[in-house]
């Protein structure tokens, strides 16, 4: 493997990608974001059905999919805009995002950026 291939291999974790200090964030289990069995429906339409999604320290995840696949709804759940019908959502191992308000989630360091201002 060349030096360039080694530098940019998929499983490489860059130090700058790992959060240094977030008040109250416990990464002892290595998981930054934990979502399990998350479901949400709008007027009978299941936007998300039994989603399991995990992000470990140093990982970079990208969400791709067609319109209506649930990408925005998932981000709405993580940021506190939408509450799921079922499931759990944790930031680290101590912060239950489903018990926090939008401002509390933002103060914990979770945010989002839209394509258009």
PDB file of N, CA and C in Angstrom:
ATOM      1  N   UNK A   1       0.857  -1.169   0.000  1.00  0.00           N
ATOM      2  CA  UNK A   1       0.000   0.000   0.000  1.00  0.00           C
ATOM      3  C   UNK A   1       0.905   1.234   0.000  1.00  0.00           C
ATOM      4  N   UNK A   2       0.617   2.170  -0.886  1.00  0.00           N
ATOM      5  CA  UNK A   2       1.433   3.382  -0.953  1.00  0.00           C
ATOM      6  C   UNK A   2       1.155   4.280   0.248  1.00  0.00           C
ATOM      7  N   UNK A   3       2.036   5.237   0.463  1.00  0.00           N
ATOM      8  CA  UNK A   3       1.873   6.168   1.591  1.00  0.00           C
ATOM      9  C   UNK A   3       0.583   6.967   1.462  1.00  0.00           C
ATOM     10  N   UNK A   4       0.230   7.348   0.243  1.00  0.00           N
ATOM     11  CA  UNK A   4      -1.008   8.112   0.021  1.00  0.00           C
ATOM     12  C   UNK A   4      -2.221   7.237   0.310  1.00  0.00           C
ATOM     13  N   UNK A   5      -2.208   5.999  -0.170  1.00  0.00           N
ATOM     14  CA  UNK A   5      -3.312   5.084   0.105  1.00  0.00           C
ATOM     15  C   UNK A   5      -3.445   4.827   1.600  1.00  0.00           C
ATOM     16  N   UNK A   6      -2.328   4.685   2.275  1.00  0.00           N
ATOM     17  CA  UNK A   6      -2.344   4.461   3.721  1.00  0.00           C
ATOM     18  C   UNK A   6      -2.937   5.664   4.446  1.00  0.00           C
ATOM     19  N   UNK A   7      -2.558   6.867   4.015  1.00  0.00           N
ATOM     20  CA  UNK A   7      -3.047   8.088   4.656  1.00  0.00           C
ATOM     21  C   UNK A   7      -4.556   8.235   4.524  1.00  0.00           C
ATOM     22  N   UNK A   8      -5.109   7.866   3.373  1.00  0.00           N
ATOM     23  CA  UNK A   8      -6.528   8.097   3.112  1.00  0.00           C
ATOM     24  C   UNK A   8      -7.379   6.831   3.122  1.00  0.00           C
ATOM     25  N   UNK A   9      -6.915   5.789   3.783  1.00  0.00           N
ATOM     26  CA  UNK A   9      -7.729   4.579   3.834  1.00  0.00           C
ATOM     27  C   UNK A   9      -9.025   4.851   4.599  1.00  0.00           C
ATOM     28  N   UNK A  10     -10.061   4.110   4.282  1.00  0.00           N
ATOM     29  CA  UNK A  10     -11.409   4.362   4.802  1.00  0.00           C
ATOM     30  C   UNK A  10     -11.537   4.242   6.312  1.00  0.00           C
ATOM     31  N   UNK A  11     -10.796   3.358   6.917  1.00  0.00           N
ATOM     32  CA  UNK A  11     -10.970   3.127   8.347  1.00  0.00           C
ATOM     33  C   UNK A  11     -10.059   3.994   9.212  1.00  0.00           C
ATOM     34  N   UNK A  12      -9.368   4.924   8.607  1.00  0.00           N
ATOM     35  CA  UNK A  12      -8.458   5.792   9.364  1.00  0.00           C
ATOM     36  C   UNK A  12      -9.250   6.801  10.194  1.00  0.00           C
ATOM     37  N   UNK A  13      -8.833   6.993  11.420  1.00  0.00           N
ATOM     38  CA  UNK A  13      -9.446   7.977  12.312  1.00  0.00           C
ATOM     39  C   UNK A  13      -8.447   9.109  12.508  1.00  0.00           C
ATOM     40  N   UNK A  14      -8.840  10.313  12.100  1.00  0.00           N
ATOM     41  CA  UNK A  14      -7.990  11.482  12.274  1.00  0.00           C
ATOM     42  C   UNK A  14      -8.256  12.105  13.643  1.00  0.00           C
ATOM     43  N   UNK A  15      -7.207  12.534  14.315  1.00  0.00           N
ATOM     44  CA  UNK A  15      -7.351  13.122  15.650  1.00  0.00           C
ATOM     45  C   UNK A  15      -8.304  14.307  15.662  1.00  0.00           C
ATOM     46  N   UNK A  16      -8.284  15.132  14.600  1.00  0.00           N
ATOM     47  CA  UNK A  16      -9.142  16.311  14.588  1.00  0.00           C
ATOM     48  C   UNK A  16     -10.626  15.947  14.513  1.00  0.00           C
ATOM     49  N   UNK A  17     -10.945  14.708  14.169  1.00  0.00           N
ATOM     50  CA  UNK A  17     -12.338  14.289  14.072  1.00  0.00           C
ATOM     51  C   UNK A  17     -12.900  13.832  15.416  1.00  0.00           C
ATOM     52  N   UNK A  18     -12.040  13.593  16.380  1.00  0.00           N
ATOM     53  CA  UNK A  18     -12.478  13.109  17.687  1.00  0.00           C
ATOM     54  C   UNK A  18     -12.686  14.306  18.603  1.00  0.00           C
ATOM     55  N   UNK A  19     -13.892  14.463  19.170  1.00  0.00           N
ATOM     56  CA  UNK A  19     -14.118  15.606  20.056  1.00  0.00           C
ATOM     57  C   UNK A  19     -13.188  15.552  21.261  1.00  0.00           C
ATOM     58  N   UNK A  20     -12.588  16.677  21.572  1.00  0.00           N
ATOM     59  CA  UNK A  20     -11.661  16.738  22.701  1.00  0.00           C
ATOM     60  C   UNK A  20     -12.417  16.823  24.022  1.00  0.00           C
ATOM     61  N   UNK A  21     -13.225  17.853  24.187  1.00  0.00           N
ATOM     62  CA  UNK A  21     -13.951  18.034  25.435  1.00  0.00           C
ATOM     63  C   UNK A  21     -15.340  18.563  25.124  1.00  0.00           C
ATOM     64  N   UNK A  22     -16.335  17.836  25.525  1.00  0.00           N
ATOM     65  CA  UNK A  22     -17.716  18.307  25.500  1.00  0.00           C
ATOM     66  C   UNK A  22     -18.231  18.063  26.907  1.00  0.00           C
ATOM     67  N   UNK A  23     -18.668  19.122  27.573  1.00  0.00           N
ATOM     68  CA  UNK A  23     -19.119  18.990  28.958  1.00  0.00           C
ATOM     69  C   UNK A  23     -20.154  17.882  29.096  1.00  0.00           C
ATOM     70  N   UNK A  24     -19.880  16.938  29.971  1.00  0.00           N
ATOM     71  CA  UNK A  24     -20.829  15.871  30.267  1.00  0.00           C
ATOM     72  C   UNK A  24     -20.837  14.723  29.278  1.00  0.00           C
ATOM     73  N   UNK A  25     -20.019  14.784  28.225  1.00  0.00           N
ATOM     74  CA  UNK A  25     -20.020  13.718  27.221  1.00  0.00           C
ATOM     75  C   UNK A  25     -19.100  12.590  27.672  1.00  0.00           C
ATOM     76  N   UNK A  26     -19.663  11.410  27.820  1.00  0.00           N
ATOM     77  CA  UNK A  26     -18.907  10.233  28.238  1.00  0.00           C
ATOM     78  C   UNK A  26     -18.683   9.345  27.025  1.00  0.00           C
ATOM     79  N   UNK A  27     -17.434   9.247  26.586  1.00  0.00           N
ATOM     80  CA  UNK A  27     -17.096   8.406  25.435  1.00  0.00           C
ATOM     81  C   UNK A  27     -16.398   7.122  25.866  1.00  0.00           C
ATOM     82  N   UNK A  28     -16.585   6.715  27.102  1.00  0.00           N
ATOM     83  CA  UNK A  28     -15.891   5.530  27.604  1.00  0.00           C
ATOM     84  C   UNK A  28     -16.258   4.270  26.817  1.00  0.00           C
ATOM     85  N   UNK A  29     -17.437   4.238  26.234  1.00  0.00           N
ATOM     86  CA  UNK A  29     -17.840   3.090  25.416  1.00  0.00           C
ATOM     87  C   UNK A  29     -17.473   3.288  23.952  1.00  0.00           C
ATOM     88  N   UNK A  30     -16.938   4.471  23.593  1.00  0.00           N
ATOM     89  CA  UNK A  30     -16.507   4.739  22.231  1.00  0.00           C
ATOM     90  C   UNK A  30     -17.605   5.222  21.307  1.00  0.00           C
ATOM     91  N   UNK A  31     -18.841   5.275  21.772  1.00  0.00           N
ATOM     92  CA  UNK A  31     -19.954   5.682  20.919  1.00  0.00           C
ATOM     93  C   UNK A  31     -20.314   7.137  21.183  1.00  0.00           C
ATOM     94  N   UNK A  32     -20.340   7.935  20.117  1.00  0.00           N
ATOM     95  CA  UNK A  32     -20.699   9.343  20.223  1.00  0.00           C
ATOM     96  C   UNK A  32     -22.204   9.506  20.076  1.00  0.00           C
ATOM     97  N   UNK A  33     -22.787   8.840  19.089  1.00  0.00           N
ATOM     98  CA  UNK A  33     -24.228   8.929  18.838  1.00  0.00           C
ATOM     99  C   UNK A  33     -24.791   7.521  18.733  1.00  0.00           C
ATOM    100  N   UNK A  34     -25.881   7.288  19.455  1.00  0.00           N
ATOM    101  CA  UNK A  34     -26.492   5.959  19.528  1.00  0.00           C
ATOM    102  C   UNK A  34     -27.987   6.127  19.315  1.00  0.00           C
ATOM    103  N   UNK A  35     -28.504   5.562  18.232  1.00  0.00           N
ATOM    104  CA  UNK A  35     -29.949   5.561  17.966  1.00  0.00           C
ATOM    105  C   UNK A  35     -30.371   4.115  17.761  1.00  0.00           C
ATOM    106  N   UNK A  36     -31.414   3.695  18.468  1.00  0.00           N
ATOM    107  CA  UNK A  36     -31.846   2.309  18.333  1.00  0.00           C
ATOM    108  C   UNK A  36     -33.362   2.211  18.324  1.00  0.00           C
ATOM    109  N   UNK A  37     -33.867   1.412  17.377  1.00  0.00           N
ATOM    110  CA  UNK A  37     -35.305   1.138  17.224  1.00  0.00           C
ATOM    111  C   UNK A  37     -36.134   2.417  17.121  1.00  0.00           C
ATOM    112  N   UNK A  38     -35.612   3.413  16.408  1.00  0.00           N
ATOM    113  CA  UNK A  38     -36.297   4.699  16.273  1.00  0.00           C
ATOM    114  C   UNK A  38     -37.328   4.620  15.152  1.00  0.00           C
ATOM    115  N   UNK A  39     -38.554   5.001  15.479  1.00  0.00           N
ATOM    116  CA  UNK A  39     -39.642   5.065  14.495  1.00  0.00           C
ATOM    117  C   UNK A  39     -40.403   6.362  14.693  1.00  0.00           C
ATOM    118  N   UNK A  40     -40.837   6.942  13.592  1.00  0.00           N
ATOM    119  CA  UNK A  40     -41.677   8.141  13.653  1.00  0.00           C
ATOM    120  C   UNK A  40     -42.604   8.138  12.442  1.00  0.00           C
ATOM    121  N   UNK A  41     -43.853   8.487  12.690  1.00  0.00           N
ATOM    122  CA  UNK A  41     -44.853   8.539  11.619  1.00  0.00           C
ATOM    123  C   UNK A  41     -45.531   9.904  11.640  1.00  0.00           C
ATOM    124  N   UNK A  42     -45.882  10.381  10.457  1.00  0.00           N
ATOM    125  CA  UNK A  42     -46.619  11.627  10.297  1.00  0.00           C
ATOM    126  C   UNK A  42     -47.931  11.306   9.601  1.00  0.00           C
ATOM    127  N   UNK A  43     -49.036  11.478  10.313  1.00  0.00           N
ATOM    128  CA  UNK A  43     -50.369  11.194   9.757  1.00  0.00           C
ATOM    129  C   UNK A  43     -50.437   9.814   9.109  1.00  0.00           C
ATOM    130  N   UNK A  44     -49.880   8.817   9.780  1.00  0.00           N
ATOM    131  CA  UNK A  44     -49.934   7.448   9.280  1.00  0.00           C
ATOM    132  C   UNK A  44     -48.788   7.064   8.361  1.00  0.00           C
ATOM    133  N   UNK A  45     -48.035   8.042   7.835  1.00  0.00           N
ATOM    134  CA  UNK A  45     -46.893   7.754   6.962  1.00  0.00           C
ATOM    135  C   UNK A  45     -45.655   7.524   7.821  1.00  0.00           C
ATOM    136  N   UNK A  46     -45.064   6.327   7.725  1.00  0.00           N
ATOM    137  CA  UNK A  46     -43.868   6.016   8.512  1.00  0.00           C
ATOM    138  C   UNK A  46     -42.645   6.630   7.833  1.00  0.00           C
ATOM    139  N   UNK A  47     -42.176   7.728   8.398  1.00  0.00           N
ATOM    140  CA  UNK A  47     -40.992   8.391   7.853  1.00  0.00           C
ATOM    141  C   UNK A  47     -39.730   7.611   8.202  1.00  0.00           C
ATOM    142  N   UNK A  48     -39.696   7.058   9.407  1.00  0.00           N
ATOM    143  CA  UNK A  48     -38.585   6.211   9.859  1.00  0.00           C
ATOM    144  C   UNK A  48     -39.192   5.013  10.576  1.00  0.00           C
ATOM    145  N   UNK A  49     -38.700   3.820  10.241  1.00  0.00           N
ATOM    146  CA  UNK A  49     -39.246   2.602  10.824  1.00  0.00           C
ATOM    147  C   UNK A  49     -38.117   1.735  11.387  1.00  0.00           C
ATOM    148  N   UNK A  50     -38.004   1.686  12.718  1.00  0.00           N
ATOM    149  CA  UNK A  50     -37.015   0.849  13.413  1.00  0.00           C
ATOM    150  C   UNK A  50     -35.576   1.123  12.981  1.00  0.00           C
ATOM    151  N   UNK A  51     -35.197   2.390  12.975  1.00  0.00           N
ATOM    152  CA  UNK A  51     -33.843   2.797  12.598  1.00  0.00           C
ATOM    153  C   UNK A  51     -32.852   2.472  13.707  1.00  0.00           C
ATOM    154  N   UNK A  52     -31.727   1.880  13.328  1.00  0.00           N
ATOM    155  CA  UNK A  52     -30.575   1.701  14.210  1.00  0.00           C
ATOM    156  C   UNK A  52     -29.411   2.427  13.550  1.00  0.00           C
ATOM    157  N   UNK A  53     -28.769   3.335  14.290  1.00  0.00           N
ATOM    158  CA  UNK A  53     -27.692   4.150  13.729  1.00  0.00           C
ATOM    159  C   UNK A  53     -26.696   4.448  14.839  1.00  0.00           C
ATOM    160  N   UNK A  54     -25.420   4.174  14.584  1.00  0.00           N
ATOM    161  CA  UNK A  54     -24.386   4.362  15.596  1.00  0.00           C
ATOM    162  C   UNK A  54     -23.214   5.107  14.975  1.00  0.00           C
ATOM    163  N   UNK A  55     -22.649   6.048  15.716  1.00  0.00           N
ATOM    164  CA  UNK A  55     -21.445   6.748  15.288  1.00  0.00           C
ATOM    165  C   UNK A  55     -20.435   6.635  16.420  1.00  0.00           C
ATOM    166  N   UNK A  56     -19.295   6.043  16.113  1.00  0.00           N
ATOM    167  CA  UNK A  56     -18.237   5.891  17.110  1.00  0.00           C
ATOM    168  C   UNK A  56     -17.273   7.065  17.036  1.00  0.00           C
ATOM    169  N   UNK A  57     -16.509   7.267  18.077  1.00  0.00           N
ATOM    170  CA  UNK A  57     -15.541   8.362  18.133  1.00  0.00           C
ATOM    171  C   UNK A  57     -14.611   8.294  16.927  1.00  0.00           C
ATOM    172  N   UNK A  58     -14.452   9.424  16.251  1.00  0.00           N
ATOM    173  CA  UNK A  58     -13.559   9.514  15.104  1.00  0.00           C
ATOM    174  C   UNK A  58     -14.165   9.122  13.780  1.00  0.00           C
ATOM    175  N   UNK A  59     -15.376   8.597  13.774  1.00  0.00           N
ATOM    176  CA  UNK A  59     -16.020   8.211  12.520  1.00  0.00           C
ATOM    177  C   UNK A  59     -16.686   9.414  11.866  1.00  0.00           C
ATOM    178  N   UNK A  60     -16.723   9.385  10.566  1.00  0.00           N
ATOM    179  CA  UNK A  60     -17.444  10.372   9.781  1.00  0.00           C
ATOM    180  C   UNK A  60     -18.492   9.606   8.996  1.00  0.00           C
ATOM    181  N   UNK A  61     -19.755   9.926   9.192  1.00  0.00           N
ATOM    182  CA  UNK A  61     -20.844   9.235   8.501  1.00  0.00           C
ATOM    183  C   UNK A  61     -21.544  10.207   7.570  1.00  0.00           C
ATOM    184  N   UNK A  62     -21.958   9.722   6.423  1.00  0.00           N
ATOM    185  CA  UNK A  62     -22.706  10.519   5.454  1.00  0.00           C
ATOM    186  C   UNK A  62     -24.027   9.820   5.193  1.00  0.00           C
ATOM    187  N   UNK A  63     -25.095  10.597   5.094  1.00  0.00           N
ATOM    188  CA  UNK A  63     -26.414  10.046   4.804  1.00  0.00           C
ATOM    189  C   UNK A  63     -26.788  10.399   3.380  1.00  0.00           C
ATOM    190  N   UNK A  64     -27.086   9.385   2.590  1.00  0.00           N
ATOM    191  CA  UNK A  64     -27.551   9.627   1.233  1.00  0.00           C
ATOM    192  C   UNK A  64     -28.809   8.802   1.012  1.00  0.00           C
ATOM    193  N   UNK A  65     -29.650   9.275   0.144  1.00  0.00           N
ATOM    194  CA  UNK A  65     -30.874   8.552  -0.160  1.00  0.00           C
ATOM    195  C   UNK A  65     -31.841   9.443  -0.901  1.00  0.00           C
ATOM    196  N   UNK A  66     -32.874   8.852  -1.467  1.00  0.00           N
ATOM    197  CA  UNK A  66     -33.847   9.627  -2.236  1.00  0.00           C
ATOM    198  C   UNK A  66     -34.723  10.492  -1.327  1.00  0.00           C
ATOM    199  N   UNK A  67     -35.459  11.388  -1.945  1.00  0.00           N
ATOM    200  CA  UNK A  67     -36.431  12.195  -1.206  1.00  0.00           C
ATOM    201  C   UNK A  67     -37.383  11.269  -0.461  1.00  0.00           C
ATOM    202  N   UNK A  68     -37.690  11.632   0.775  1.00  0.00           N
ATOM    203  CA  UNK A  68     -38.635  10.843   1.559  1.00  0.00           C
ATOM    204  C   UNK A  68     -38.030   9.646   2.257  1.00  0.00           C
ATOM    205  N   UNK A  69     -36.702   9.501   2.208  1.00  0.00           N
ATOM    206  CA  UNK A  69     -36.052   8.342   2.830  1.00  0.00           C
ATOM    207  C   UNK A  69     -35.912   8.489   4.343  1.00  0.00           C
ATOM    208  N   UNK A  70     -36.070   9.707   4.869  1.00  0.00           N
ATOM    209  CA  UNK A  70     -35.998   9.919   6.312  1.00  0.00           C
ATOM    210  C   UNK A  70     -34.736  10.603   6.800  1.00  0.00           C
ATOM    211  N   UNK A  71     -33.908  11.101   5.882  1.00  0.00           N
ATOM    212  CA  UNK A  71     -32.648  11.748   6.280  1.00  0.00           C
ATOM    213  C   UNK A  71     -32.900  12.981   7.146  1.00  0.00           C
ATOM    214  N   UNK A  72     -33.754  13.866   6.684  1.00  0.00           N
ATOM    215  CA  UNK A  72     -34.051  15.088   7.435  1.00  0.00           C
ATOM    216  C   UNK A  72     -34.767  14.761   8.734  1.00  0.00           C
ATOM    217  N   UNK A  73     -35.675  13.812   8.703  1.00  0.00           N
ATOM    218  CA  UNK A  73     -36.390  13.417   9.918  1.00  0.00           C
ATOM    219  C   UNK A  73     -35.414  12.889  10.958  1.00  0.00           C
ATOM    220  N   UNK A  74     -34.420  12.118  10.531  1.00  0.00           N
ATOM    221  CA  UNK A  74     -33.418  11.621  11.462  1.00  0.00           C
ATOM    222  C   UNK A  74     -32.653  12.779  12.094  1.00  0.00           C
ATOM    223  N   UNK A  75     -32.255  13.755  11.289  1.00  0.00           N
ATOM    224  CA  UNK A  75     -31.552  14.921  11.830  1.00  0.00           C
ATOM    225  C   UNK A  75     -32.457  15.729  12.751  1.00  0.00           C
ATOM    226  N   UNK A  76     -33.747  15.801  12.419  1.00  0.00           N
ATOM    227  CA  UNK A  76     -34.707  16.495  13.285  1.00  0.00           C
ATOM    228  C   UNK A  76     -34.810  15.817  14.650  1.00  0.00           C
ATOM    229  N   UNK A  77     -34.729  14.501  14.672  1.00  0.00           N
ATOM    230  CA  UNK A  77     -34.772  13.763  15.942  1.00  0.00           C
ATOM    231  C   UNK A  77     -33.505  14.037  16.749  1.00  0.00           C
ATOM    232  N   UNK A  78     -32.357  13.989  16.094  1.00  0.00           N
ATOM    233  CA  UNK A  78     -31.085  14.210  16.781  1.00  0.00           C
ATOM    234  C   UNK A  78     -31.020  15.616  17.378  1.00  0.00           C
ATOM    235  N   UNK A  79     -31.541  16.608  16.663  1.00  0.00           N
ATOM    236  CA  UNK A  79     -31.459  17.997  17.132  1.00  0.00           C
ATOM    237  C   UNK A  79     -32.642  18.410  17.995  1.00  0.00           C
ATOM    238  N   UNK A  80     -33.601  17.508  18.213  1.00  0.00           N
ATOM    239  CA  UNK A  80     -34.713  17.791  19.114  1.00  0.00           C
ATOM    240  C   UNK A  80     -35.918  18.455  18.488  1.00  0.00           C
ATOM    241  N   UNK A  81     -35.904  18.644  17.183  1.00  0.00           N
ATOM    242  CA  UNK A  81     -37.047  19.277  16.512  1.00  0.00           C
ATOM    243  C   UNK A  81     -38.240  18.333  16.434  1.00  0.00           C
ATOM    244  N   UNK A  82     -37.970  17.052  16.262  1.00  0.00           N
ATOM    245  CA  UNK A  82     -39.017  16.031  16.157  1.00  0.00           C
ATOM    246  C   UNK A  82     -38.779  14.972  17.227  1.00  0.00           C
ATOM    247  N   UNK A  83     -39.847  14.526  17.850  1.00  0.00           N
ATOM    248  CA  UNK A  83     -39.769  13.445  18.836  1.00  0.00           C
ATOM    249  C   UNK A  83     -40.262  12.161  18.183  1.00  0.00           C
ATOM    250  N   UNK A  84     -39.495  11.079  18.288  1.00  0.00           N
ATOM    251  CA  UNK A  84     -39.930   9.825  17.672  1.00  0.00           C
ATOM    252  C   UNK A  84     -41.063   9.181  18.462  1.00  0.00           C
ATOM    253  N   UNK A  85     -41.798   8.304  17.791  1.00  0.00           N
ATOM    254  CA  UNK A  85     -42.861   7.545  18.453  1.00  0.00           C
ATOM    255  C   UNK A  85     -42.267   6.462  19.352  1.00  0.00           C
ATOM    256  N   UNK A  86     -41.168   5.864  18.901  1.00  0.00           N
ATOM    257  CA  UNK A  86     -40.490   4.821  19.678  1.00  0.00           C
ATOM    258  C   UNK A  86     -38.986   4.966  19.503  1.00  0.00           C
ATOM    259  N   UNK A  87     -38.242   4.313  20.379  1.00  0.00           N
ATOM    260  CA  UNK A  87     -36.796   4.246  20.234  1.00  0.00           C
ATOM    261  C   UNK A  87     -36.032   5.083  21.237  1.00  0.00           C
ATOM    262  N   UNK A  88     -34.709   4.984  21.135  1.00  0.00           N
ATOM    263  CA  UNK A  88     -33.809   5.724  22.008  1.00  0.00           C
ATOM    264  C   UNK A  88     -32.779   6.469  21.178  1.00  0.00           C
ATOM    265  N   UNK A  89     -32.291   7.570  21.732  1.00  0.00           N
ATOM    266  CA  UNK A  89     -31.290   8.389  21.045  1.00  0.00           C
ATOM    267  C   UNK A  89     -30.381   9.009  22.105  1.00  0.00           C
ATOM    268  N   UNK A  90     -29.122   8.608  22.105  1.00  0.00           N
ATOM    269  CA  UNK A  90     -28.168   9.054  23.120  1.00  0.00           C
ATOM    270  C   UNK A  90     -26.967   9.722  22.477  1.00  0.00           C
ATOM    271  N   UNK A  91     -26.474  10.771  23.116  1.00  0.00           N
ATOM    272  CA  UNK A  91     -25.226  11.441  22.751  1.00  0.00           C
ATOM    273  C   UNK A  91     -24.228  11.058  23.832  1.00  0.00           C
ATOM    274  N   UNK A  92     -23.212  10.267  23.475  1.00  0.00           N
ATOM    275  CA  UNK A  92     -22.355   9.676  24.493  1.00  0.00           C
ATOM    276  C   UNK A  92     -23.164   8.627  25.237  1.00  0.00           C
ATOM    277  N   UNK A  93     -22.800   8.360  26.468  1.00  0.00           N
ATOM    278  CA  UNK A  93     -23.564   7.356  27.215  1.00  0.00           C
ATOM    279  C   UNK A  93     -24.389   7.969  28.336  1.00  0.00           C
ATOM    280  N   UNK A  94     -24.376   9.309  28.447  1.00  0.00           N
ATOM    281  CA  UNK A  94     -25.108   9.947  29.538  1.00  0.00           C
ATOM    282  C   UNK A  94     -26.202  10.908  29.096  1.00  0.00           C
ATOM    283  N   UNK A  95     -26.174  11.387  27.859  1.00  0.00           N
ATOM    284  CA  UNK A  95     -27.138  12.396  27.423  1.00  0.00           C
ATOM    285  C   UNK A  95     -28.234  11.768  26.572  1.00  0.00           C
ATOM    286  N   UNK A  96     -29.410  11.628  27.161  1.00  0.00           N
ATOM    287  CA  UNK A  96     -30.568  11.110  26.438  1.00  0.00           C
ATOM    288  C   UNK A  96     -31.172  12.276  25.663  1.00  0.00           C
ATOM    289  N   UNK A  97     -30.963  12.301  24.357  1.00  0.00           N
ATOM    290  CA  UNK A  97     -31.426  13.422  23.538  1.00  0.00           C
ATOM    291  C   UNK A  97     -32.942  13.556  23.536  1.00  0.00           C
ATOM    292  N   UNK A  98     -33.655  12.469  23.809  1.00  0.00           N
ATOM    293  CA  UNK A  98     -35.116  12.518  23.792  1.00  0.00           C
ATOM    294  C   UNK A  98     -35.677  13.181  25.048  1.00  0.00           C
ATOM    295  N   UNK A  99     -34.836  13.407  26.036  1.00  0.00           N
ATOM    296  CA  UNK A  99     -35.269  14.095  27.252  1.00  0.00           C
ATOM    297  C   UNK A  99     -34.735  15.522  27.318  1.00  0.00           C
ATOM    298  N   UNK A 100     -34.121  15.980  26.229  1.00  0.00           N
ATOM    299  CA  UNK A 100     -33.533  17.318  26.198  1.00  0.00           C
ATOM    300  C   UNK A 100     -34.302  18.213  25.233  1.00  0.00           C
ATOM    301  N   UNK A 101     -34.312  19.510  25.517  1.00  0.00           N
ATOM    302  CA  UNK A 101     -34.947  20.480  24.622  1.00  0.00           C
ATOM    303  C   UNK A 101     -33.978  20.824  23.487  1.00  0.00           C
ATOM    304  N   UNK A 102     -34.490  21.481  22.443  1.00  0.00           N
ATOM    305  CA  UNK A 102     -33.621  21.903  21.338  1.00  0.00           C
ATOM    306  C   UNK A 102     -32.459  22.769  21.818  1.00  0.00           C
ATOM    307  N   UNK A 103     -32.709  23.787  22.667  1.00  0.00           N
ATOM    308  CA  UNK A 103     -31.579  24.599  23.142  1.00  0.00           C
ATOM    309  C   UNK A 103     -30.564  23.799  23.962  1.00  0.00           C
ATOM    310  N   UNK A 104     -31.025  22.859  24.767  1.00  0.00           N
ATOM    311  CA  UNK A 104     -30.098  22.026  25.548  1.00  0.00           C
ATOM    312  C   UNK A 104     -29.226  21.179  24.626  1.00  0.00           C
ATOM    313  N   UNK A 105     -29.822  20.654  23.576  1.00  0.00           N
ATOM    314  CA  UNK A 105     -29.078  19.843  22.607  1.00  0.00           C
ATOM    315  C   UNK A 105     -28.037  20.703  21.904  1.00  0.00           C
ATOM    316  N   UNK A 106     -28.415  21.924  21.526  1.00  0.00           N
ATOM    317  CA  UNK A 106     -27.467  22.835  20.876  1.00  0.00           C
ATOM    318  C   UNK A 106     -26.312  23.182  21.821  1.00  0.00           C
ATOM    319  N   UNK A 107     -26.617  23.426  23.085  1.00  0.00           N
ATOM    320  CA  UNK A 107     -25.564  23.733  24.061  1.00  0.00           C
ATOM    321  C   UNK A 107     -24.640  22.536  24.291  1.00  0.00           C
ATOM    322  N   UNK A 108     -25.142  21.334  24.059  1.00  0.00           N
ATOM    323  CA  UNK A 108     -24.312  20.128  24.198  1.00  0.00           C
ATOM    324  C   UNK A 108     -23.349  19.966  23.030  1.00  0.00           C
ATOM    325  N   UNK A 109     -23.493  20.818  22.002  1.00  0.00           N
ATOM    326  CA  UNK A 109     -22.568  20.779  20.871  1.00  0.00           C
ATOM    327  C   UNK A 109     -23.119  20.137  19.620  1.00  0.00           C
ATOM    328  N   UNK A 110     -24.410  19.840  19.592  1.00  0.00           N
ATOM    329  CA  UNK A 110     -25.014  19.224  18.412  1.00  0.00           C
ATOM    330  C   UNK A 110     -25.707  20.304  17.601  1.00  0.00           C
ATOM    331  N   UNK A 111     -25.382  20.369  16.323  1.00  0.00           N
ATOM    332  CA  UNK A 111     -26.001  21.345  15.433  1.00  0.00           C
ATOM    333  C   UNK A 111     -26.093  20.790  14.031  1.00  0.00           C
ATOM    334  N   UNK A 112     -26.618  21.601  13.146  1.00  0.00           N
ATOM    335  CA  UNK A 112     -26.745  21.183  11.754  1.00  0.00           C
ATOM    336  C   UNK A 112     -26.572  22.382  10.861  1.00  0.00           C
ATOM    337  N   UNK A 113     -26.242  22.126   9.627  1.00  0.00           N
ATOM    338  CA  UNK A 113     -26.064  23.177   8.630  1.00  0.00           C
ATOM    339  C   UNK A 113     -26.839  22.781   7.395  1.00  0.00           C
ATOM    340  N   UNK A 114     -27.725  23.664   6.966  1.00  0.00           N
ATOM    341  CA  UNK A 114     -28.511  23.411   5.767  1.00  0.00           C
ATOM    342  C   UNK A 114     -27.738  23.853   4.533  1.00  0.00           C
ATOM    343  N   UNK A 115     -28.102  23.284   3.365  1.00  0.00           N
ATOM    344  CA  UNK A 115     -27.433  23.652   2.123  1.00  0.00           C
ATOM    345  C   UNK A 115     -27.656  25.115   1.781  1.00  0.00           C
ATOM    346  N   UNK A 116     -28.893  25.550   1.928  1.00  0.00           N
ATOM    347  CA  UNK A 116     -29.230  26.927   1.568  1.00  0.00           C
ATOM    348  C   UNK A 116     -29.399  27.742   2.844  1.00  0.00           C
ATOM    349  N   UNK A 117     -28.829  28.955   2.862  1.00  0.00           N
ATOM    350  CA  UNK A 117     -28.945  29.781   4.077  1.00  0.00           C
ATOM    351  C   UNK A 117     -30.360  30.207   4.380  1.00  0.00           C
TER     352      UNK A 117
END
